[in-house]
Amino acid sequence: MSSAHMHVTDDNDSLAEMLGYLLEQLILHKLNKNQIITIGLSGGSLVDLLASMLPRLQLPWTYDSTYGNYQSKLFRQLPLTENNIIKIDPNLETVEECAKDYQNKLQEALNDEDKSFDIVLLGMGPDGYIATEPVTLTLDTINRAKYKIVVITGETKSTTIKEVLREKNKTYPISQINNLVWYHDKAAAKHL
């Protein structure tokens, strides 16, 4: 892992600021070309980090569970409509129906050219997992994103990060993501 792909900050505020700057640049790049931008979000502590940072970004926001967390902590602060958000339908009978419905919605919404997100923001649990059951993005879908960014905070994840980055342990799903850019605080990077 080259240092160009790893960013370590002192605390969550610094992490949010650094990540915010990157996101602002990536988003503005697409918007300046009059292109639609698609962003995949994971759950966990990433919700709070994004909620503290995204509303402060100088972006021309358009007017045109994880979802509940994002809705209560982030989406309400942004001028987004329900049409801007693709969510899992909790009213479907089975996990399989839910997953298929979500897959269809994603395929319809993503760019017809390459069917990939522009940016995927991921978190990682202490166990190294980035995608969980029952309904989530597949590793293939995540790998097709143009930019893959993982945001990791807290000492409980430091051993896993060491195993993935230093020891090249390939048993963790996060190790299967290509060209991943890592953002973490000092506590998470403790063993690097």
C-alpha atoms as a PDB file:
ATOM      1  CA  MET A   1       0.000   0.000   0.000  1.00  0.00           C
ATOM      2  CA  SER A   2       1.641   3.238  -1.059  1.00  0.00           C
ATOM      3  CA  SER A   3       1.429   6.257   1.191  1.00  0.00           C
ATOM      4  CA  ALA A   4      -0.369   8.091  -1.627  1.00  0.00           C
ATOM      5  CA  HIS A   5      -3.408   5.935  -0.920  1.00  0.00           C
ATOM      6  CA  MET A   6      -3.397   6.321   2.867  1.00  0.00           C
ATOM      7  CA  HIS A   7      -4.367   9.399   4.845  1.00  0.00           C
ATOM      8  CA  VAL A   8      -4.103   9.493   8.649  1.00  0.00           C
ATOM      9  CA  THR A   9      -5.452  12.376  10.719  1.00  0.00           C
ATOM     10  CA  ASP A  10      -5.293  13.264  14.403  1.00  0.00           C
ATOM     11  CA  ASP A  11      -9.025  13.074  15.047  1.00  0.00           C
ATOM     12  CA  ASN A  12     -12.493  12.765  13.523  1.00  0.00           C
ATOM     13  CA  ASP A  13     -12.794  16.506  12.872  1.00  0.00           C
ATOM     14  CA  SER A  14      -9.576  16.515  10.835  1.00  0.00           C
ATOM     15  CA  LEU A  15     -10.683  13.330   9.093  1.00  0.00           C
ATOM     16  CA  ALA A  16     -14.047  14.872   8.183  1.00  0.00           C
ATOM     17  CA  GLU A  17     -12.320  17.997   6.866  1.00  0.00           C
ATOM     18  CA  MET A  18      -9.849  16.041   4.716  1.00  0.00           C
ATOM     19  CA  LEU A  19     -12.523  13.710   3.374  1.00  0.00           C
ATOM     20  CA  GLY A  20     -14.834  16.674   2.767  1.00  0.00           C
ATOM     21  CA  TYR A  21     -12.207  18.399   0.652  1.00  0.00           C
ATOM     22  CA  LEU A  22     -11.705  15.276  -1.473  1.00  0.00           C
ATOM     23  CA  LEU A  23     -15.437  14.732  -1.944  1.00  0.00           C
ATOM     24  CA  GLU A  24     -15.985  18.370  -2.837  1.00  0.00           C
ATOM     25  CA  GLN A  25     -13.295  18.164  -5.541  1.00  0.00           C
ATOM     26  CA  LEU A  26     -14.608  14.878  -6.989  1.00  0.00           C
ATOM     27  CA  ILE A  27     -18.220  16.054  -6.974  1.00  0.00           C
ATOM     28  CA  LEU A  28     -17.449  19.471  -8.484  1.00  0.00           C
ATOM     29  CA  HIS A  29     -15.365  17.827 -11.217  1.00  0.00           C
ATOM     30  CA  LYS A  30     -18.427  15.863 -12.384  1.00  0.00           C
ATOM     31  CA  LEU A  31     -20.881  18.726 -11.895  1.00  0.00           C
ATOM     32  CA  ASN A  32     -18.678  21.157 -13.834  1.00  0.00           C
ATOM     33  CA  LYS A  33     -19.010  18.778 -16.776  1.00  0.00           C
ATOM     34  CA  ASN A  34     -22.804  18.772 -16.280  1.00  0.00           C
ATOM     35  CA  GLN A  35     -22.653  15.105 -15.355  1.00  0.00           C
ATOM     36  CA  ILE A  36     -24.705  13.310 -12.740  1.00  0.00           C
ATOM     37  CA  ILE A  37     -22.720  11.926  -9.832  1.00  0.00           C
ATOM     38  CA  THR A  38     -23.590   8.696  -8.035  1.00  0.00           C
ATOM     39  CA  ILE A  39     -22.336   7.954  -4.532  1.00  0.00           C
ATOM     40  CA  GLY A  40     -22.712   4.688  -2.615  1.00  0.00           C
ATOM     41  CA  LEU A  41     -22.762   4.950   1.178  1.00  0.00           C
ATOM     42  CA  SER A  42     -22.243   2.324   3.847  1.00  0.00           C
ATOM     43  CA  GLY A  43     -23.547   2.472   7.407  1.00  0.00           C
ATOM     44  CA  GLY A  44     -21.953   2.443  10.836  1.00  0.00           C
ATOM     45  CA  SER A  45     -19.924   5.373  12.145  1.00  0.00           C
ATOM     46  CA  LEU A  46     -19.580   6.766   8.606  1.00  0.00           C
ATOM     47  CA  VAL A  47     -23.099   8.231   8.967  1.00  0.00           C
ATOM     48  CA  ASP A  48     -22.028  10.524  11.824  1.00  0.00           C
ATOM     49  CA  LEU A  49     -18.807  11.543  10.096  1.00  0.00           C
ATOM     50  CA  LEU A  50     -20.630  12.479   6.888  1.00  0.00           C
ATOM     51  CA  ALA A  51     -23.400  14.235   8.816  1.00  0.00           C
ATOM     52  CA  SER A  52     -20.791  16.491  10.427  1.00  0.00           C
ATOM     53  CA  MET A  53     -19.102  17.304   7.133  1.00  0.00           C
ATOM     54  CA  LEU A  54     -21.301  17.108   4.025  1.00  0.00           C
ATOM     55  CA  PRO A  55     -23.721  19.936   4.848  1.00  0.00           C
ATOM     56  CA  ARG A  56     -20.734  22.315   5.161  1.00  0.00           C
ATOM     57  CA  LEU A  57     -19.422  21.575   1.664  1.00  0.00           C
ATOM     58  CA  GLN A  58     -19.751  24.348  -0.873  1.00  0.00           C
ATOM     59  CA  LEU A  59     -21.703  22.340  -3.413  1.00  0.00           C
ATOM     60  CA  PRO A  60     -24.655  23.273  -5.597  1.00  0.00           C
ATOM     61  CA  TRP A  61     -27.003  20.674  -4.078  1.00  0.00           C
ATOM     62  CA  THR A  62     -29.907  19.963  -6.385  1.00  0.00           C
ATOM     63  CA  TYR A  63     -33.538  20.081  -5.309  1.00  0.00           C
ATOM     64  CA  ASP A  64     -34.437  17.803  -8.136  1.00  0.00           C
ATOM     65  CA  SER A  65     -31.636   0.655   9.841  1.00  0.00           C
ATOM     66  CA  THR A  66     -28.771   2.725   7.448  1.00  0.00           C
ATOM     67  CA  TYR A  67     -31.280   4.676   5.491  1.00  0.00           C
ATOM     68  CA  GLY A  68     -32.982   5.823   8.700  1.00  0.00           C
ATOM     69  CA  ASN A  69     -29.648   6.990  10.106  1.00  0.00           C
ATOM     70  CA  TYR A  70     -28.808   8.897   6.968  1.00  0.00           C
ATOM     71  CA  GLN A  71     -32.334  10.313   6.807  1.00  0.00           C
ATOM     72  CA  SER A  72     -32.341  11.572  10.394  1.00  0.00           C
ATOM     73  CA  LYS A  73     -28.713  12.711  10.588  1.00  0.00           C
ATOM     74  CA  LEU A  74     -27.809  13.820   7.077  1.00  0.00           C
ATOM     75  CA  PHE A  75     -30.468  13.862   4.357  1.00  0.00           C
ATOM     76  CA  ARG A  76     -32.735  16.221   6.327  1.00  0.00           C
ATOM     77  CA  GLN A  77     -29.921  18.773   6.328  1.00  0.00           C
ATOM     78  CA  LEU A  78     -29.558  18.692   2.549  1.00  0.00           C
ATOM     79  CA  PRO A  79     -31.947  19.927  -0.134  1.00  0.00           C
ATOM     80  CA  LEU A  80     -32.546  16.435  -1.522  1.00  0.00           C
ATOM     81  CA  THR A  81     -35.820  14.844  -2.544  1.00  0.00           C
ATOM     82  CA  GLU A  82     -36.789  11.182  -2.241  1.00  0.00           C
ATOM     83  CA  ASN A  83     -35.984  10.874  -5.968  1.00  0.00           C
ATOM     84  CA  ASN A  84     -32.314  11.587  -5.172  1.00  0.00           C
ATOM     85  CA  ILE A  85     -32.044   8.595  -2.826  1.00  0.00           C
ATOM     86  CA  ILE A  86     -32.139   4.897  -3.678  1.00  0.00           C
ATOM     87  CA  LYS A  87     -33.164   2.899  -0.659  1.00  0.00           C
ATOM     88  CA  ILE A  88     -34.031  -0.650   0.231  1.00  0.00           C
ATOM     89  CA  ASP A  89     -37.772  -1.366   0.377  1.00  0.00           C
ATOM     90  CA  PRO A  90     -38.380  -2.857   3.841  1.00  0.00           C
ATOM     91  CA  ASN A  91     -41.965  -3.788   2.927  1.00  0.00           C
ATOM     92  CA  LEU A  92     -40.992  -6.655   0.630  1.00  0.00           C
ATOM     93  CA  GLU A  93     -41.588 -10.176   1.949  1.00  0.00           C
ATOM     94  CA  THR A  94     -38.130 -11.750   1.707  1.00  0.00           C
ATOM     95  CA  VAL A  95     -34.490 -10.692   1.752  1.00  0.00           C
ATOM     96  CA  GLU A  96     -34.169 -12.062  -1.786  1.00  0.00           C
ATOM     97  CA  GLU A  97     -37.030  -9.859  -3.053  1.00  0.00           C
ATOM     98  CA  CYS A  98     -35.533  -6.899  -1.252  1.00  0.00           C
ATOM     99  CA  ALA A  99     -32.091  -7.512  -2.773  1.00  0.00           C
ATOM    100  CA  LYS A 100     -33.512  -7.964  -6.293  1.00  0.00           C
ATOM    101  CA  ASP A 101     -35.604  -4.789  -6.003  1.00  0.00           C
ATOM    102  CA  TYR A 102     -32.568  -2.833  -4.777  1.00  0.00           C
ATOM    103  CA  GLN A 103     -30.429  -4.245  -7.599  1.00  0.00           C
ATOM    104  CA  ASN A 104     -33.033  -3.197 -10.175  1.00  0.00           C
ATOM    105  CA  LYS A 105     -33.238   0.319  -8.723  1.00  0.00           C
ATOM    106  CA  LEU A 106     -29.446   0.660  -8.798  1.00  0.00           C
ATOM    107  CA  GLN A 107     -29.188  -0.587 -12.374  1.00  0.00           C
ATOM    108  CA  GLU A 108     -31.852   1.871 -13.467  1.00  0.00           C
ATOM    109  CA  ALA A 109     -30.221   4.811 -11.703  1.00  0.00           C
ATOM    110  CA  LEU A 110     -26.565   4.238 -12.516  1.00  0.00           C
ATOM    111  CA  ASN A 111     -24.953   5.571 -15.653  1.00  0.00           C
ATOM    112  CA  ASP A 112     -25.966   3.435 -18.639  1.00  0.00           C
ATOM    113  CA  GLU A 113     -22.400   3.473 -19.957  1.00  0.00           C
ATOM    114  CA  ASP A 114     -20.696   1.533 -17.222  1.00  0.00           C
ATOM    115  CA  LYS A 115     -23.280   0.802 -14.513  1.00  0.00           C
ATOM    116  CA  SER A 116     -20.965   1.923 -11.736  1.00  0.00           C
ATOM    117  CA  PHE A 117     -20.929   4.448  -8.919  1.00  0.00           C
ATOM    118  CA  ASP A 118     -18.641   7.424  -9.223  1.00  0.00           C
ATOM    119  CA  ILE A 119     -17.719   7.191  -5.547  1.00  0.00           C
ATOM    120  CA  VAL A 120     -18.307   4.490  -2.940  1.00  0.00           C
ATOM    121  CA  LEU A 121     -17.755   5.510   0.686  1.00  0.00           C
ATOM    122  CA  LEU A 122     -17.194   2.514   2.917  1.00  0.00           C
ATOM    123  CA  GLY A 123     -16.709   1.885   6.581  1.00  0.00           C
ATOM    124  CA  MET A 124     -15.077  -1.189   8.081  1.00  0.00           C
ATOM    125  CA  GLY A 125     -16.033  -3.139  11.174  1.00  0.00           C
ATOM    126  CA  PRO A 126     -13.448  -4.532  13.612  1.00  0.00           C
ATOM    127  CA  ASP A 127     -13.832  -7.868  11.802  1.00  0.00           C
ATOM    128  CA  GLY A 128     -12.669  -6.347   8.497  1.00  0.00           C
ATOM    129  CA  TYR A 129     -16.057  -6.565   6.833  1.00  0.00           C
ATOM    130  CA  ILE A 130     -17.202  -3.746   4.567  1.00  0.00           C
ATOM    131  CA  ALA A 131     -20.466  -5.239   3.336  1.00  0.00           C
ATOM    132  CA  THR A 132     -22.927  -7.107   5.510  1.00  0.00           C
ATOM    133  CA  GLU A 133     -26.044  -9.243   5.260  1.00  0.00           C
ATOM    134  CA  PRO A 134     -28.764  -9.226   4.292  1.00  0.00           C
ATOM    135  CA  VAL A 135     -28.841  -6.567   1.535  1.00  0.00           C
ATOM    136  CA  THR A 136     -25.656  -4.811   0.461  1.00  0.00           C
ATOM    137  CA  LEU A 137     -23.509  -3.972  -2.531  1.00  0.00           C
ATOM    138  CA  THR A 138     -21.409  -6.817  -3.886  1.00  0.00           C
ATOM    139  CA  LEU A 139     -17.622  -6.620  -3.988  1.00  0.00           C
ATOM    140  CA  ASP A 140     -17.874  -6.531  -7.792  1.00  0.00           C
ATOM    141  CA  THR A 141     -20.170  -3.488  -7.670  1.00  0.00           C
ATOM    142  CA  ILE A 142     -17.872  -1.755  -5.187  1.00  0.00           C
ATOM    143  CA  ASN A 143     -14.789  -2.532  -7.314  1.00  0.00           C
ATOM    144  CA  ARG A 144     -16.407  -1.021 -10.421  1.00  0.00           C
ATOM    145  CA  ALA A 145     -16.718   2.375  -8.707  1.00  0.00           C
ATOM    146  CA  LYS A 146     -14.344   4.972 -10.069  1.00  0.00           C
ATOM    147  CA  TYR A 147     -13.252   6.042  -6.569  1.00  0.00           C
ATOM    148  CA  LYS A 148     -13.289   3.690  -3.595  1.00  0.00           C
ATOM    149  CA  ILE A 149     -12.731   5.337  -0.241  1.00  0.00           C
ATOM    150  CA  VAL A 150     -12.783   3.626   3.142  1.00  0.00           C
ATOM    151  CA  VAL A 151     -13.116   5.711   6.291  1.00  0.00           C
ATOM    152  CA  ILE A 152     -12.031   3.974   9.491  1.00  0.00           C
ATOM    153  CA  THR A 153     -11.996   5.386  13.002  1.00  0.00           C
ATOM    154  CA  GLY A 154     -11.230   3.917  16.386  1.00  0.00           C
ATOM    155  CA  GLU A 155      -8.613   1.698  17.967  1.00  0.00           C
ATOM    156  CA  THR A 156     -10.838  -1.415  17.806  1.00  0.00           C
ATOM    157  CA  LYS A 157     -10.101  -1.602  14.078  1.00  0.00           C
ATOM    158  CA  SER A 158      -6.334  -1.020  14.275  1.00  0.00           C
ATOM    159  CA  THR A 159      -5.352  -4.696  14.415  1.00  0.00           C
ATOM    160  CA  THR A 160      -7.445  -5.498  11.352  1.00  0.00           C
ATOM    161  CA  ILE A 161      -5.944  -2.572   9.431  1.00  0.00           C
ATOM    162  CA  LYS A 162      -2.446  -3.815  10.312  1.00  0.00           C
ATOM    163  CA  GLU A 163      -3.310  -7.330   9.135  1.00  0.00           C
ATOM    164  CA  VAL A 164      -4.686  -6.048   5.828  1.00  0.00           C
ATOM    165  CA  LEU A 165      -2.106  -3.370   5.029  1.00  0.00           C
ATOM    166  CA  ARG A 166       1.114  -4.582   6.645  1.00  0.00           C
ATOM    167  CA  GLU A 167       0.665  -8.322   6.683  1.00  0.00           C
ATOM    168  CA  LYS A 168      -1.258  -8.446   3.371  1.00  0.00           C
ATOM    169  CA  ASN A 169      -3.906 -10.743   4.896  1.00  0.00           C
ATOM    170  CA  LYS A 170      -6.314 -11.505   2.031  1.00  0.00           C
ATOM    171  CA  THR A 171      -9.013 -13.167   4.164  1.00  0.00           C
ATOM    172  CA  TYR A 172     -10.773  -9.864   4.897  1.00  0.00           C
ATOM    173  CA  PRO A 173     -13.291  -8.628   2.311  1.00  0.00           C
ATOM    174  CA  ILE A 174     -11.756  -5.159   2.417  1.00  0.00           C
ATOM    175  CA  SER A 175      -8.524  -6.631   1.021  1.00  0.00           C
ATOM    176  CA  GLN A 176     -10.429  -7.525  -2.156  1.00  0.00           C
ATOM    177  CA  ILE A 177     -11.164  -3.904  -3.059  1.00  0.00           C
ATOM    178  CA  ASN A 178      -8.886  -2.569  -5.807  1.00  0.00           C
ATOM    179  CA  ASN A 179      -7.356   0.921  -5.716  1.00  0.00           C
ATOM    180  CA  LEU A 180      -8.840   1.687  -2.320  1.00  0.00           C
ATOM    181  CA  VAL A 181      -8.040   5.031  -0.720  1.00  0.00           C
ATOM    182  CA  TRP A 182      -7.808   4.783   3.068  1.00  0.00           C
ATOM    183  CA  TYR A 183      -8.808   7.565   5.463  1.00  0.00           C
ATOM    184  CA  HIS A 184      -8.371   6.867   9.158  1.00  0.00           C
ATOM    185  CA  ASP A 185      -7.643   8.532  12.446  1.00  0.00           C
ATOM    186  CA  LYS A 186      -4.512   7.916  14.531  1.00  0.00           C
ATOM    187  CA  ALA A 187      -6.317   5.442  16.771  1.00  0.00           C
ATOM    188  CA  ALA A 188      -7.240   3.233  13.813  1.00  0.00           C
ATOM    189  CA  ALA A 189      -3.699   3.531  12.416  1.00  0.00           C
ATOM    190  CA  LYS A 190      -2.109   2.682  15.779  1.00  0.00           C
ATOM    191  CA  HIS A 191      -0.378  -0.504  14.551  1.00  0.00           C
ATOM    192  CA  LEU A 192       0.839   0.791  11.187  1.00  0.00           C
END
